[in-house]
PDB file of N, CA and C in Angstrom:
ATOM      1  N   UNK A   1     -24.664   8.048  30.290  1.00  0.00           N
ATOM      2  CA  UNK A   1     -24.124   6.616  29.843  1.00  0.00           C
ATOM      3  C   UNK A   1     -25.105   6.301  28.545  1.00  0.00           C
ATOM      4  N   UNK A   2     -24.214   5.568  27.856  1.00  0.00           N
ATOM      5  CA  UNK A   2     -24.756   5.250  26.471  1.00  0.00           C
ATOM      6  C   UNK A   2     -25.715   4.452  26.276  1.00  0.00           C
ATOM      7  N   UNK A   3     -26.438   4.681  25.243  1.00  0.00           N
ATOM      8  CA  UNK A   3     -27.712   3.624  25.315  1.00  0.00           C
ATOM      9  C   UNK A   3     -27.115   2.343  24.584  1.00  0.00           C
ATOM     10  N   UNK A   4     -27.927   1.231  25.416  1.00  0.00           N
ATOM     11  CA  UNK A   4     -27.343  -0.066  25.028  1.00  0.00           C
ATOM     12  C   UNK A   4     -28.355  -0.318  23.355  1.00  0.00           C
ATOM     13  N   UNK A   5     -27.584  -0.667  22.422  1.00  0.00           N
ATOM     14  CA  UNK A   5     -28.313  -0.928  20.976  1.00  0.00           C
ATOM     15  C   UNK A   5     -28.398  -2.390  20.501  1.00  0.00           C
ATOM     16  N   UNK A   6     -27.599  -2.898  21.629  1.00  0.00           N
ATOM     17  CA  UNK A   6     -27.007  -4.224  21.051  1.00  0.00           C
ATOM     18  C   UNK A   6     -27.724  -5.437  20.412  1.00  0.00           C
ATOM     19  N   UNK A   7     -28.828  -4.977  21.289  1.00  0.00           N
ATOM     20  CA  UNK A   7     -30.511  -6.125  20.305  1.00  0.00           C
ATOM     21  C   UNK A   7     -31.177  -5.400  19.444  1.00  0.00           C
ATOM     22  N   UNK A   8     -30.789  -4.333  19.026  1.00  0.00           N
ATOM     23  CA  UNK A   8     -31.435  -3.616  18.362  1.00  0.00           C
ATOM     24  C   UNK A   8     -30.788  -3.419  16.480  1.00  0.00           C
ATOM     25  N   UNK A   9     -31.225  -4.497  16.013  1.00  0.00           N
ATOM     26  CA  UNK A   9     -30.653  -4.712  14.695  1.00  0.00           C
ATOM     27  C   UNK A   9     -30.549  -3.554  13.799  1.00  0.00           C
ATOM     28  N   UNK A  10     -31.798  -2.822  13.610  1.00  0.00           N
ATOM     29  CA  UNK A  10     -31.801  -1.504  12.730  1.00  0.00           C
ATOM     30  C   UNK A  10     -30.896  -0.383  13.245  1.00  0.00           C
ATOM     31  N   UNK A  11     -30.077  -0.718  14.312  1.00  0.00           N
ATOM     32  CA  UNK A  11     -29.003   0.021  14.572  1.00  0.00           C
ATOM     33  C   UNK A  11     -28.112  -0.012  13.858  1.00  0.00           C
ATOM     34  N   UNK A  12     -27.798  -1.418  12.970  1.00  0.00           N
ATOM     35  CA  UNK A  12     -26.718  -1.349  12.557  1.00  0.00           C
ATOM     36  C   UNK A  12     -26.853  -1.532  10.754  1.00  0.00           C
ATOM     37  N   UNK A  13     -28.368  -1.157  10.688  1.00  0.00           N
ATOM     38  CA  UNK A  13     -28.414  -1.186   9.409  1.00  0.00           C
ATOM     39  C   UNK A  13     -27.826  -0.137   8.436  1.00  0.00           C
ATOM     40  N   UNK A  14     -27.300  -0.395   7.195  1.00  0.00           N
ATOM     41  CA  UNK A  14     -26.634   0.796   6.651  1.00  0.00           C
ATOM     42  C   UNK A  14     -27.928   1.417   5.433  1.00  0.00           C
ATOM     43  N   UNK A  15     -27.967   2.533   5.469  1.00  0.00           N
ATOM     44  CA  UNK A  15     -28.727   2.973   4.859  1.00  0.00           C
ATOM     45  C   UNK A  15     -28.068   3.887   3.449  1.00  0.00           C
ATOM     46  N   UNK A  16     -28.365   3.294   2.365  1.00  0.00           N
ATOM     47  CA  UNK A  16     -27.628   4.059   1.283  1.00  0.00           C
ATOM     48  C   UNK A  16     -27.949   4.844   0.320  1.00  0.00           C
ATOM     49  N   UNK A  17     -27.566   6.013   0.028  1.00  0.00           N
ATOM     50  CA  UNK A  17     -27.921   7.560  -1.087  1.00  0.00           C
ATOM     51  C   UNK A  17     -28.425   6.775  -2.177  1.00  0.00           C
ATOM     52  N   UNK A  18     -29.153   7.805  -3.021  1.00  0.00           N
ATOM     53  CA  UNK A  18     -29.812   7.564  -4.093  1.00  0.00           C
ATOM     54  C   UNK A  18     -28.268   6.725  -5.458  1.00  0.00           C
ATOM     55  N   UNK A  19     -27.314   7.149  -5.227  1.00  0.00           N
ATOM     56  CA  UNK A  19     -25.824   6.774  -5.770  1.00  0.00           C
ATOM     57  C   UNK A  19     -25.739   5.287  -5.716  1.00  0.00           C
ATOM     58  N   UNK A  20     -25.924   4.826  -4.766  1.00  0.00           N
ATOM     59  CA  UNK A  20     -25.885   3.556  -4.162  1.00  0.00           C
ATOM     60  C   UNK A  20     -24.748   3.491  -2.892  1.00  0.00           C
ATOM     61  N   UNK A  21     -24.253   4.654  -3.080  1.00  0.00           N
ATOM     62  CA  UNK A  21     -23.161   4.638  -1.871  1.00  0.00           C
ATOM     63  C   UNK A  21     -23.892   4.065  -0.204  1.00  0.00           C
ATOM     64  N   UNK A  22     -23.043   3.507   0.550  1.00  0.00           N
ATOM     65  CA  UNK A  22     -23.800   3.544   2.059  1.00  0.00           C
ATOM     66  C   UNK A  22     -23.729   5.254   2.588  1.00  0.00           C
ATOM     67  N   UNK A  23     -24.853   5.777   3.476  1.00  0.00           N
ATOM     68  CA  UNK A  23     -25.138   6.349   4.378  1.00  0.00           C
ATOM     69  C   UNK A  23     -24.383   6.185   5.506  1.00  0.00           C
ATOM     70  N   UNK A  24     -23.741   7.246   6.044  1.00  0.00           N
ATOM     71  CA  UNK A  24     -23.261   6.914   7.330  1.00  0.00           C
ATOM     72  C   UNK A  24     -23.397   7.913   8.162  1.00  0.00           C
ATOM     73  N   UNK A  25     -23.481   9.037   7.338  1.00  0.00           N
ATOM     74  CA  UNK A  25     -23.585  10.304   8.553  1.00  0.00           C
ATOM     75  C   UNK A  25     -25.046  11.044   8.166  1.00  0.00           C
ATOM     76  N   UNK A  26     -24.973  11.844   8.936  1.00  0.00           N
ATOM     77  CA  UNK A  26     -26.283  12.716   8.797  1.00  0.00           C
ATOM     78  C   UNK A  26     -26.160  13.799   7.795  1.00  0.00           C
ATOM     79  N   UNK A  27     -24.897  14.367   7.917  1.00  0.00           N
ATOM     80  CA  UNK A  27     -24.571  15.134   6.594  1.00  0.00           C
ATOM     81  C   UNK A  27     -24.194  14.567   5.464  1.00  0.00           C
ATOM     82  N   UNK A  28     -24.883  14.465   4.471  1.00  0.00           N
ATOM     83  CA  UNK A  28     -24.223  14.241   3.179  1.00  0.00           C
ATOM     84  C   UNK A  28     -23.139  14.505   2.659  1.00  0.00           C
ATOM     85  N   UNK A  29     -22.155  15.845   2.958  1.00  0.00           N
ATOM     86  CA  UNK A  29     -21.279  16.579   2.349  1.00  0.00           C
ATOM     87  C   UNK A  29     -20.123  15.080   3.096  1.00  0.00           C
ATOM     88  N   UNK A  30     -20.080  15.121   4.770  1.00  0.00           N
ATOM     89  CA  UNK A  30     -19.498  14.181   5.149  1.00  0.00           C
ATOM     90  C   UNK A  30     -18.801  12.873   4.684  1.00  0.00           C
ATOM     91  N   UNK A  31     -20.161  12.304   4.166  1.00  0.00           N
ATOM     92  CA  UNK A  31     -20.186  11.447   3.686  1.00  0.00           C
ATOM     93  C   UNK A  31     -19.636  10.771   2.260  1.00  0.00           C
ATOM     94  N   UNK A  32     -19.994  12.326   1.115  1.00  0.00           N
ATOM     95  CA  UNK A  32     -18.707  12.690   0.337  1.00  0.00           C
ATOM     96  C   UNK A  32     -17.510  12.632   0.518  1.00  0.00           C
ATOM     97  N   UNK A  33     -17.063  13.211   1.456  1.00  0.00           N
ATOM     98  CA  UNK A  33     -15.885  13.504   2.134  1.00  0.00           C
ATOM     99  C   UNK A  33     -15.369  12.117   2.501  1.00  0.00           C
ATOM    100  N   UNK A  34     -16.036  11.158   2.581  1.00  0.00           N
ATOM    101  CA  UNK A  34     -15.537   9.644   3.464  1.00  0.00           C
ATOM    102  C   UNK A  34     -15.044   9.249   1.876  1.00  0.00           C
ATOM    103  N   UNK A  35     -16.130   9.245   1.198  1.00  0.00           N
ATOM    104  CA  UNK A  35     -16.127   8.413  -0.177  1.00  0.00           C
ATOM    105  C   UNK A  35     -14.668   8.560  -0.856  1.00  0.00           C
ATOM    106  N   UNK A  36     -14.668  10.068  -0.912  1.00  0.00           N
ATOM    107  CA  UNK A  36     -13.619  10.289  -1.355  1.00  0.00           C
ATOM    108  C   UNK A  36     -11.743  10.084  -0.894  1.00  0.00           C
ATOM    109  N   UNK A  37     -12.273  10.308   0.472  1.00  0.00           N
ATOM    110  CA  UNK A  37     -11.264   9.679   1.356  1.00  0.00           C
ATOM    111  C   UNK A  37     -10.288   8.113   0.766  1.00  0.00           C
ATOM    112  N   UNK A  38     -11.766   7.496   0.898  1.00  0.00           N
ATOM    113  CA  UNK A  38     -11.602   5.872   0.878  1.00  0.00           C
ATOM    114  C   UNK A  38     -10.673   5.798  -0.649  1.00  0.00           C
ATOM    115  N   UNK A  39     -11.710   6.566  -1.735  1.00  0.00           N
ATOM    116  CA  UNK A  39     -11.146   6.230  -2.958  1.00  0.00           C
ATOM    117  C   UNK A  39      -9.307   7.119  -2.930  1.00  0.00           C
ATOM    118  N   UNK A  40      -9.400   7.900  -2.281  1.00  0.00           N
ATOM    119  CA  UNK A  40      -7.841   7.775  -2.285  1.00  0.00           C
ATOM    120  C   UNK A  40      -6.945   6.681  -2.018  1.00  0.00           C
ATOM    121  N   UNK A  41      -7.580   6.254  -1.119  1.00  0.00           N
ATOM    122  CA  UNK A  41      -6.619   5.313  -0.355  1.00  0.00           C
ATOM    123  C   UNK A  41      -6.510   4.232  -1.016  1.00  0.00           C
ATOM    124  N   UNK A  42      -7.387   3.910  -1.389  1.00  0.00           N
ATOM    125  CA  UNK A  42      -7.114   2.656  -2.602  1.00  0.00           C
ATOM    126  C   UNK A  42      -6.210   2.879  -3.633  1.00  0.00           C
ATOM    127  N   UNK A  43      -6.470   3.942  -3.740  1.00  0.00           N
ATOM    128  CA  UNK A  43      -5.551   4.914  -5.015  1.00  0.00           C
ATOM    129  C   UNK A  43      -4.330   4.460  -4.628  1.00  0.00           C
ATOM    130  N   UNK A  44      -3.427   5.139  -3.367  1.00  0.00           N
ATOM    131  CA  UNK A  44      -2.347   5.104  -2.866  1.00  0.00           C
ATOM    132  C   UNK A  44      -2.108   3.667  -2.727  1.00  0.00           C
ATOM    133  N   UNK A  45      -2.722   3.049  -2.407  1.00  0.00           N
ATOM    134  CA  UNK A  45      -2.701   1.276  -1.631  1.00  0.00           C
ATOM    135  C   UNK A  45      -2.110   0.634  -3.027  1.00  0.00           C
ATOM    136  N   UNK A  46      -2.895   0.630  -4.187  1.00  0.00           N
ATOM    137  CA  UNK A  46      -2.617   0.153  -5.193  1.00  0.00           C
ATOM    138  C   UNK A  46      -0.879   0.629  -6.098  1.00  0.00           C
ATOM    139  N   UNK A  47      -0.948   1.358  -5.888  1.00  0.00           N
ATOM    140  CA  UNK A  47       0.421   2.117  -6.643  1.00  0.00           C
ATOM    141  C   UNK A  47       1.716   1.943  -5.731  1.00  0.00           C
ATOM    142  N   UNK A  48       1.718   1.657  -4.453  1.00  0.00           N
ATOM    143  CA  UNK A  48       2.430   1.340  -2.768  1.00  0.00           C
ATOM    144  C   UNK A  48       2.927   0.079  -3.766  1.00  0.00           C
ATOM    145  N   UNK A  49       1.783  -1.064  -3.365  1.00  0.00           N
ATOM    146  CA  UNK A  49       1.991  -2.238  -3.645  1.00  0.00           C
ATOM    147  C   UNK A  49       2.628  -2.353  -5.446  1.00  0.00           C
ATOM    148  N   UNK A  50       2.231  -1.527  -6.147  1.00  0.00           N
ATOM    149  CA  UNK A  50       3.189  -2.155  -7.632  1.00  0.00           C
ATOM    150  C   UNK A  50       4.494  -1.420  -7.639  1.00  0.00           C
ATOM    151  N   UNK A  51       4.481  -0.136  -7.019  1.00  0.00           N
ATOM    152  CA  UNK A  51       5.672   0.513  -7.083  1.00  0.00           C
ATOM    153  C   UNK A  51       6.831  -0.681  -5.977  1.00  0.00           C
ATOM    154  N   UNK A  52       6.061  -0.924  -5.228  1.00  0.00           N
ATOM    155  CA  UNK A  52       7.110  -2.178  -4.694  1.00  0.00           C
ATOM    156  C   UNK A  52       7.394  -3.242  -5.249  1.00  0.00           C
ATOM    157  N   UNK A  53       6.558  -3.353  -5.999  1.00  0.00           N
ATOM    158  CA  UNK A  53       6.748  -4.827  -6.822  1.00  0.00           C
ATOM    159  C   UNK A  53       7.940  -4.662  -8.100  1.00  0.00           C
ATOM    160  N   UNK A  54       7.398  -3.337  -8.447  1.00  0.00           N
ATOM    161  CA  UNK A  54       8.807  -3.126  -9.653  1.00  0.00           C
ATOM    162  C   UNK A  54      10.016  -2.827  -8.967  1.00  0.00           C
ATOM    163  N   UNK A  55      10.017  -2.017  -7.738  1.00  0.00           N
ATOM    164  CA  UNK A  55      11.116  -1.972  -7.191  1.00  0.00           C
ATOM    165  C   UNK A  55      12.044  -3.290  -7.135  1.00  0.00           C
ATOM    166  N   UNK A  56      11.176  -4.288  -6.459  1.00  0.00           N
ATOM    167  CA  UNK A  56      11.680  -5.543  -5.903  1.00  0.00           C
ATOM    168  C   UNK A  56      12.332  -6.231  -7.065  1.00  0.00           C
ATOM    169  N   UNK A  57      11.863  -6.071  -7.901  1.00  0.00           N
ATOM    170  CA  UNK A  57      11.707  -6.990  -9.232  1.00  0.00           C
ATOM    171  C   UNK A  57      13.149  -6.420  -9.858  1.00  0.00           C
ATOM    172  N   UNK A  58      13.372  -5.106 -10.051  1.00  0.00           N
ATOM    173  CA  UNK A  58      14.223  -4.708 -10.554  1.00  0.00           C
ATOM    174  C   UNK A  58      15.651  -4.816  -9.927  1.00  0.00           C
ATOM    175  N   UNK A  59      15.019  -4.732  -8.556  1.00  0.00           N
ATOM    176  CA  UNK A  59      16.376  -4.641  -7.601  1.00  0.00           C
ATOM    177  C   UNK A  59      17.032  -5.996  -7.704  1.00  0.00           C
ATOM    178  N   UNK A  60      16.301  -7.076  -7.589  1.00  0.00           N
ATOM    179  CA  UNK A  60      16.865  -8.708  -7.747  1.00  0.00           C
ATOM    180  C   UNK A  60      17.313  -9.367  -8.912  1.00  0.00           C
ATOM    181  N   UNK A  61      16.873  -8.155  -9.945  1.00  0.00           N
ATOM    182  CA  UNK A  61      17.525  -8.443 -11.110  1.00  0.00           C
ATOM    183  C   UNK A  61      19.024  -7.599 -11.601  1.00  0.00           C
ATOM    184  N   UNK A  62      19.227  -7.302 -10.644  1.00  0.00           N
ATOM    185  CA  UNK A  62      20.220  -6.303 -10.954  1.00  0.00           C
ATOM    186  C   UNK A  62      20.112  -5.009 -11.977  1.00  0.00           C
ATOM    187  N   UNK A  63      18.956  -4.762 -12.258  1.00  0.00           N
ATOM    188  CA  UNK A  63      18.302  -3.671 -12.994  1.00  0.00           C
ATOM    189  C   UNK A  63      19.228  -2.459 -12.727  1.00  0.00           C
ATOM    190  N   UNK A  64      19.048  -1.795 -11.795  1.00  0.00           N
ATOM    191  CA  UNK A  64      18.797  -0.950 -11.096  1.00  0.00           C
ATOM    192  C   UNK A  64      18.408  -0.734  -9.295  1.00  0.00           C
ATOM    193  N   UNK A  65      18.901  -0.041  -8.864  1.00  0.00           N
ATOM    194  CA  UNK A  65      18.606   0.251  -7.438  1.00  0.00           C
ATOM    195  C   UNK A  65      17.409   1.230  -7.125  1.00  0.00           C
ATOM    196  N   UNK A  66      16.943   1.009  -5.652  1.00  0.00           N
ATOM    197  CA  UNK A  66      15.789   1.960  -5.576  1.00  0.00           C
ATOM    198  C   UNK A  66      16.456   3.342  -5.734  1.00  0.00           C
ATOM    199  N   UNK A  67      17.440   3.884  -5.338  1.00  0.00           N
ATOM    200  CA  UNK A  67      18.070   5.222  -4.899  1.00  0.00           C
ATOM    201  C   UNK A  67      17.691   5.955  -6.581  1.00  0.00           C
ATOM    202  N   UNK A  68      18.350   4.982  -7.539  1.00  0.00           N
ATOM    203  CA  UNK A  68      17.827   4.906  -9.332  1.00  0.00           C
ATOM    204  C   UNK A  68      16.171   6.000  -9.371  1.00  0.00           C
ATOM    205  N   UNK A  69      15.355   5.326  -8.574  1.00  0.00           N
ATOM    206  CA  UNK A  69      13.760   6.465  -8.849  1.00  0.00           C
ATOM    207  C   UNK A  69      14.065   7.801  -8.870  1.00  0.00           C
ATOM    208  N   UNK A  70      14.538   8.317  -7.599  1.00  0.00           N
ATOM    209  CA  UNK A  70      15.194   9.132  -7.188  1.00  0.00           C
ATOM    210  C   UNK A  70      15.424  10.294  -8.281  1.00  0.00           C
ATOM    211  N   UNK A  71      16.406   9.733  -8.621  1.00  0.00           N
ATOM    212  CA  UNK A  71      17.160  10.508  -9.708  1.00  0.00           C
ATOM    213  C   UNK A  71      16.501  10.624 -11.368  1.00  0.00           C
ATOM    214  N   UNK A  72      15.990   9.771 -11.359  1.00  0.00           N
ATOM    215  CA  UNK A  72      14.980   9.728 -12.160  1.00  0.00           C
ATOM    216  C   UNK A  72      14.516  11.019 -12.899  1.00  0.00           C
ATOM    217  N   UNK A  73      14.601  11.246 -14.405  1.00  0.00           N
ATOM    218  CA  UNK A  73      13.810  12.517 -15.042  1.00  0.00           C
ATOM    219  C   UNK A  73      13.220  11.993 -16.225  1.00  0.00           C
ATOM    220  N   UNK A  74      11.696  11.927 -16.361  1.00  0.00           N
ATOM    221  CA  UNK A  74      11.265  11.561 -17.353  1.00  0.00           C
ATOM    222  C   UNK A  74      11.145  12.522 -18.718  1.00  0.00           C
ATOM    223  N   UNK A  75      11.129  11.814 -19.644  1.00  0.00           N
ATOM    224  CA  UNK A  75      10.983  12.209 -20.899  1.00  0.00           C
ATOM    225  C   UNK A  75       9.253  13.408 -21.354  1.00  0.00           C
ATOM    226  N   UNK A  76       9.582  13.277 -22.374  1.00  0.00           N
ATOM    227  CA  UNK A  76       7.849  14.091 -22.412  1.00  0.00           C
ATOM    228  C   UNK A  76       6.765  13.208 -22.632  1.00  0.00           C
ATOM    229  N   UNK A  77       7.188  12.085 -23.614  1.00  0.00           N
ATOM    230  CA  UNK A  77       6.276  10.916 -23.383  1.00  0.00           C
ATOM    231  C   UNK A  77       5.640  10.240 -22.457  1.00  0.00           C
ATOM    232  N   UNK A  78       6.697  10.148 -21.252  1.00  0.00           N
ATOM    233  CA  UNK A  78       6.748   9.494 -19.929  1.00  0.00           C
ATOM    234  C   UNK A  78       5.766  10.754 -19.171  1.00  0.00           C
ATOM    235  N   UNK A  79       6.273  11.829 -19.218  1.00  0.00           N
ATOM    236  CA  UNK A  79       5.061  13.168 -18.919  1.00  0.00           C
ATOM    237  C   UNK A  79       3.826  12.954 -19.380  1.00  0.00           C
ATOM    238  N   UNK A  80       3.464  12.967 -20.706  1.00  0.00           N
ATOM    239  CA  UNK A  80       2.345  12.720 -20.902  1.00  0.00           C
ATOM    240  C   UNK A  80       1.411  11.594 -20.720  1.00  0.00           C
ATOM    241  N   UNK A  81       1.886  10.731 -20.395  1.00  0.00           N
ATOM    242  CA  UNK A  81       1.573   9.254 -19.765  1.00  0.00           C
ATOM    243  C   UNK A  81       0.951   9.155 -18.249  1.00  0.00           C
ATOM    244  N   UNK A  82       2.133  10.062 -17.855  1.00  0.00           N
ATOM    245  CA  UNK A  82       1.538   9.948 -16.371  1.00  0.00           C
ATOM    246  C   UNK A  82       0.636  11.264 -16.182  1.00  0.00           C
ATOM    247  N   UNK A  83       0.826  12.385 -17.073  1.00  0.00           N
ATOM    248  CA  UNK A  83      -0.705  13.154 -16.843  1.00  0.00           C
ATOM    249  C   UNK A  83      -1.838  12.451 -17.150  1.00  0.00           C
ATOM    250  N   UNK A  84      -2.055  11.879 -17.823  1.00  0.00           N
ATOM    251  CA  UNK A  84      -3.010  10.831 -18.129  1.00  0.00           C
ATOM    252  C   UNK A  84      -3.792   9.958 -16.925  1.00  0.00           C
ATOM    253  N   UNK A  85      -2.534   9.068 -16.394  1.00  0.00           N
ATOM    254  CA  UNK A  85      -3.101   8.410 -15.306  1.00  0.00           C
ATOM    255  C   UNK A  85      -3.141   9.642 -14.095  1.00  0.00           C
ATOM    256  N   UNK A  86      -2.927  10.639 -13.716  1.00  0.00           N
ATOM    257  CA  UNK A  86      -3.331  11.437 -12.799  1.00  0.00           C
ATOM    258  C   UNK A  86      -4.380  12.019 -13.134  1.00  0.00           C
ATOM    259  N   UNK A  87      -4.969  12.047 -14.029  1.00  0.00           N
ATOM    260  CA  UNK A  87      -6.373  12.520 -14.545  1.00  0.00           C
ATOM    261  C   UNK A  87      -7.127  11.944 -14.522  1.00  0.00           C
ATOM    262  N   UNK A  88      -6.994  10.768 -14.821  1.00  0.00           N
ATOM    263  CA  UNK A  88      -8.109   9.375 -14.343  1.00  0.00           C
ATOM    264  C   UNK A  88      -7.992   9.415 -12.779  1.00  0.00           C
ATOM    265  N   UNK A  89      -6.940   9.101 -12.102  1.00  0.00           N
ATOM    266  CA  UNK A  89      -7.017   9.203 -10.451  1.00  0.00           C
ATOM    267  C   UNK A  89      -7.769  10.553 -10.122  1.00  0.00           C
ATOM    268  N   UNK A  90      -7.817  11.599 -10.799  1.00  0.00           N
ATOM    269  CA  UNK A  90      -8.650  12.921 -10.033  1.00  0.00           C
ATOM    270  C   UNK A  90     -10.109  12.291 -10.297  1.00  0.00           C
ATOM    271  N   UNK A  91     -10.282  11.963 -11.611  1.00  0.00           N
ATOM    272  CA  UNK A  91     -11.736  11.621 -12.230  1.00  0.00           C
ATOM    273  C   UNK A  91     -12.202  10.416 -11.087  1.00  0.00           C
ATOM    274  N   UNK A  92     -11.846   9.862 -10.916  1.00  0.00           N
ATOM    275  CA  UNK A  92     -12.008   8.600  -9.849  1.00  0.00           C
ATOM    276  C   UNK A  92     -12.103   8.926  -8.169  1.00  0.00           C
ATOM    277  N   UNK A  93     -11.259  10.176  -7.850  1.00  0.00           N
ATOM    278  CA  UNK A  93     -11.456  10.300  -6.761  1.00  0.00           C
ATOM    279  C   UNK A  93     -12.635  11.511  -6.431  1.00  0.00           C
ATOM    280  N   UNK A  94     -12.855  12.241  -7.379  1.00  0.00           N
ATOM    281  CA  UNK A  94     -13.747  13.111  -7.614  1.00  0.00           C
ATOM    282  C   UNK A  94     -15.088  13.353  -7.939  1.00  0.00           C
ATOM    283  N   UNK A  95     -15.001  11.613  -8.362  1.00  0.00           N
ATOM    284  CA  UNK A  95     -16.385  11.098  -8.954  1.00  0.00           C
ATOM    285  C   UNK A  95     -17.520  11.256  -8.069  1.00  0.00           C
ATOM    286  N   UNK A  96     -17.254  11.521  -6.590  1.00  0.00           N
ATOM    287  CA  UNK A  96     -18.185  11.221  -5.839  1.00  0.00           C
ATOM    288  C   UNK A  96     -19.531  13.210  -5.980  1.00  0.00           C
ATOM    289  N   UNK A  97     -17.970  14.235  -6.210  1.00  0.00           N
ATOM    290  CA  UNK A  97     -18.829  15.459  -6.377  1.00  0.00           C
ATOM    291  C   UNK A  97     -19.248  15.652  -7.544  1.00  0.00           C
ATOM    292  N   UNK A  98     -18.514  14.871  -8.835  1.00  0.00           N
ATOM    293  CA  UNK A  98     -18.986  15.233 -10.341  1.00  0.00           C
ATOM    294  C   UNK A  98     -20.806  14.176  -9.969  1.00  0.00           C
ATOM    295  N   UNK A  99     -20.944  13.299  -9.465  1.00  0.00           N
ATOM    296  CA  UNK A  99     -22.138  12.874  -9.119  1.00  0.00           C
ATOM    297  C   UNK A  99     -23.406  13.692  -8.470  1.00  0.00           C
ATOM    298  N   UNK A 100     -22.996  14.265  -7.547  1.00  0.00           N
ATOM    299  CA  UNK A 100     -23.441  14.795  -6.474  1.00  0.00           C
ATOM    300  C   UNK A 100     -24.336  16.263  -7.345  1.00  0.00           C
ATOM    301  N   UNK A 101     -23.235  17.029  -8.252  1.00  0.00           N
ATOM    302  CA  UNK A 101     -23.241  17.907  -9.383  1.00  0.00           C
ATOM    303  C   UNK A 101     -24.518  17.925 -10.377  1.00  0.00           C
ATOM    304  N   UNK A 102     -24.168  16.400 -10.943  1.00  0.00           N
ATOM    305  CA  UNK A 102     -24.893  16.255 -12.169  1.00  0.00           C
ATOM    306  C   UNK A 102     -26.602  15.799 -11.410  1.00  0.00           C
ATOM    307  N   UNK A 103     -27.290  15.354 -10.062  1.00  0.00           N
ATOM    308  CA  UNK A 103     -27.955  15.546  -9.431  1.00  0.00           C
ATOM    309  C   UNK A 103     -28.288  16.275  -9.113  1.00  0.00           C
ATOM    310  N   UNK A 104     -27.914  17.561  -8.624  1.00  0.00           N
ATOM    311  CA  UNK A 104     -28.109  19.123  -8.482  1.00  0.00           C
ATOM    312  C   UNK A 104     -28.784  19.683  -9.535  1.00  0.00           C
ATOM    313  N   UNK A 105     -28.276  19.258 -10.571  1.00  0.00           N
ATOM    314  CA  UNK A 105     -28.624  19.686 -12.236  1.00  0.00           C
ATOM    315  C   UNK A 105     -29.604  19.482 -12.574  1.00  0.00           C
ATOM    316  N   UNK A 106     -29.803  18.374 -12.365  1.00  0.00           N
ATOM    317  CA  UNK A 106     -31.037  17.187 -13.078  1.00  0.00           C
ATOM    318  C   UNK A 106     -32.602  17.805 -12.000  1.00  0.00           C
ATOM    319  N   UNK A 107     -32.065  17.980 -10.969  1.00  0.00           N
ATOM    320  CA  UNK A 107     -33.296  18.635  -9.840  1.00  0.00           C
ATOM    321  C   UNK A 107     -33.546  20.035  -9.941  1.00  0.00           C
ATOM    322  N   UNK A 108     -32.851  20.602 -10.708  1.00  0.00           N
ATOM    323  CA  UNK A 108     -33.222  22.428 -10.689  1.00  0.00           C
ATOM    324  C   UNK A 108     -33.139  22.478 -12.215  1.00  0.00           C
ATOM    325  N   UNK A 109     -33.551  21.344 -13.092  1.00  0.00           N
ATOM    326  CA  UNK A 109     -33.724  21.352 -14.610  1.00  0.00           C
ATOM    327  C   UNK A 109     -35.467  21.215 -14.563  1.00  0.00           C
ATOM    328  N   UNK A 110     -36.049  22.121 -15.199  1.00  0.00           N
ATOM    329  CA  UNK A 110     -37.701  21.928 -15.533  1.00  0.00           C
ATOM    330  C   UNK A 110     -38.221  21.074 -15.936  1.00  0.00           C
TER     331      UNK A 110
END
């Protein structure tokens, strides 16, 4: 049977690692993965909402149908802009690992 911790407030207290992120698991790698997944979820949710807004506005105004999105082929300028957006998203998602690498390098330096 599980131990009753309903009266133990310290059980619910969240610890934080040096970066200021909450510590949920004993293994720091698991916390890093959780932070990365959370960052990805945030990115996906924002993108889905914005895409839905654009598609609804365009359809309401008779500018194009949602199926037109599937047929669109970007020009080089659009590809370059998309590449910059992609790199920014990757940097945000992997910032957790970059912080850890920086911390380890700092700890290893004389």
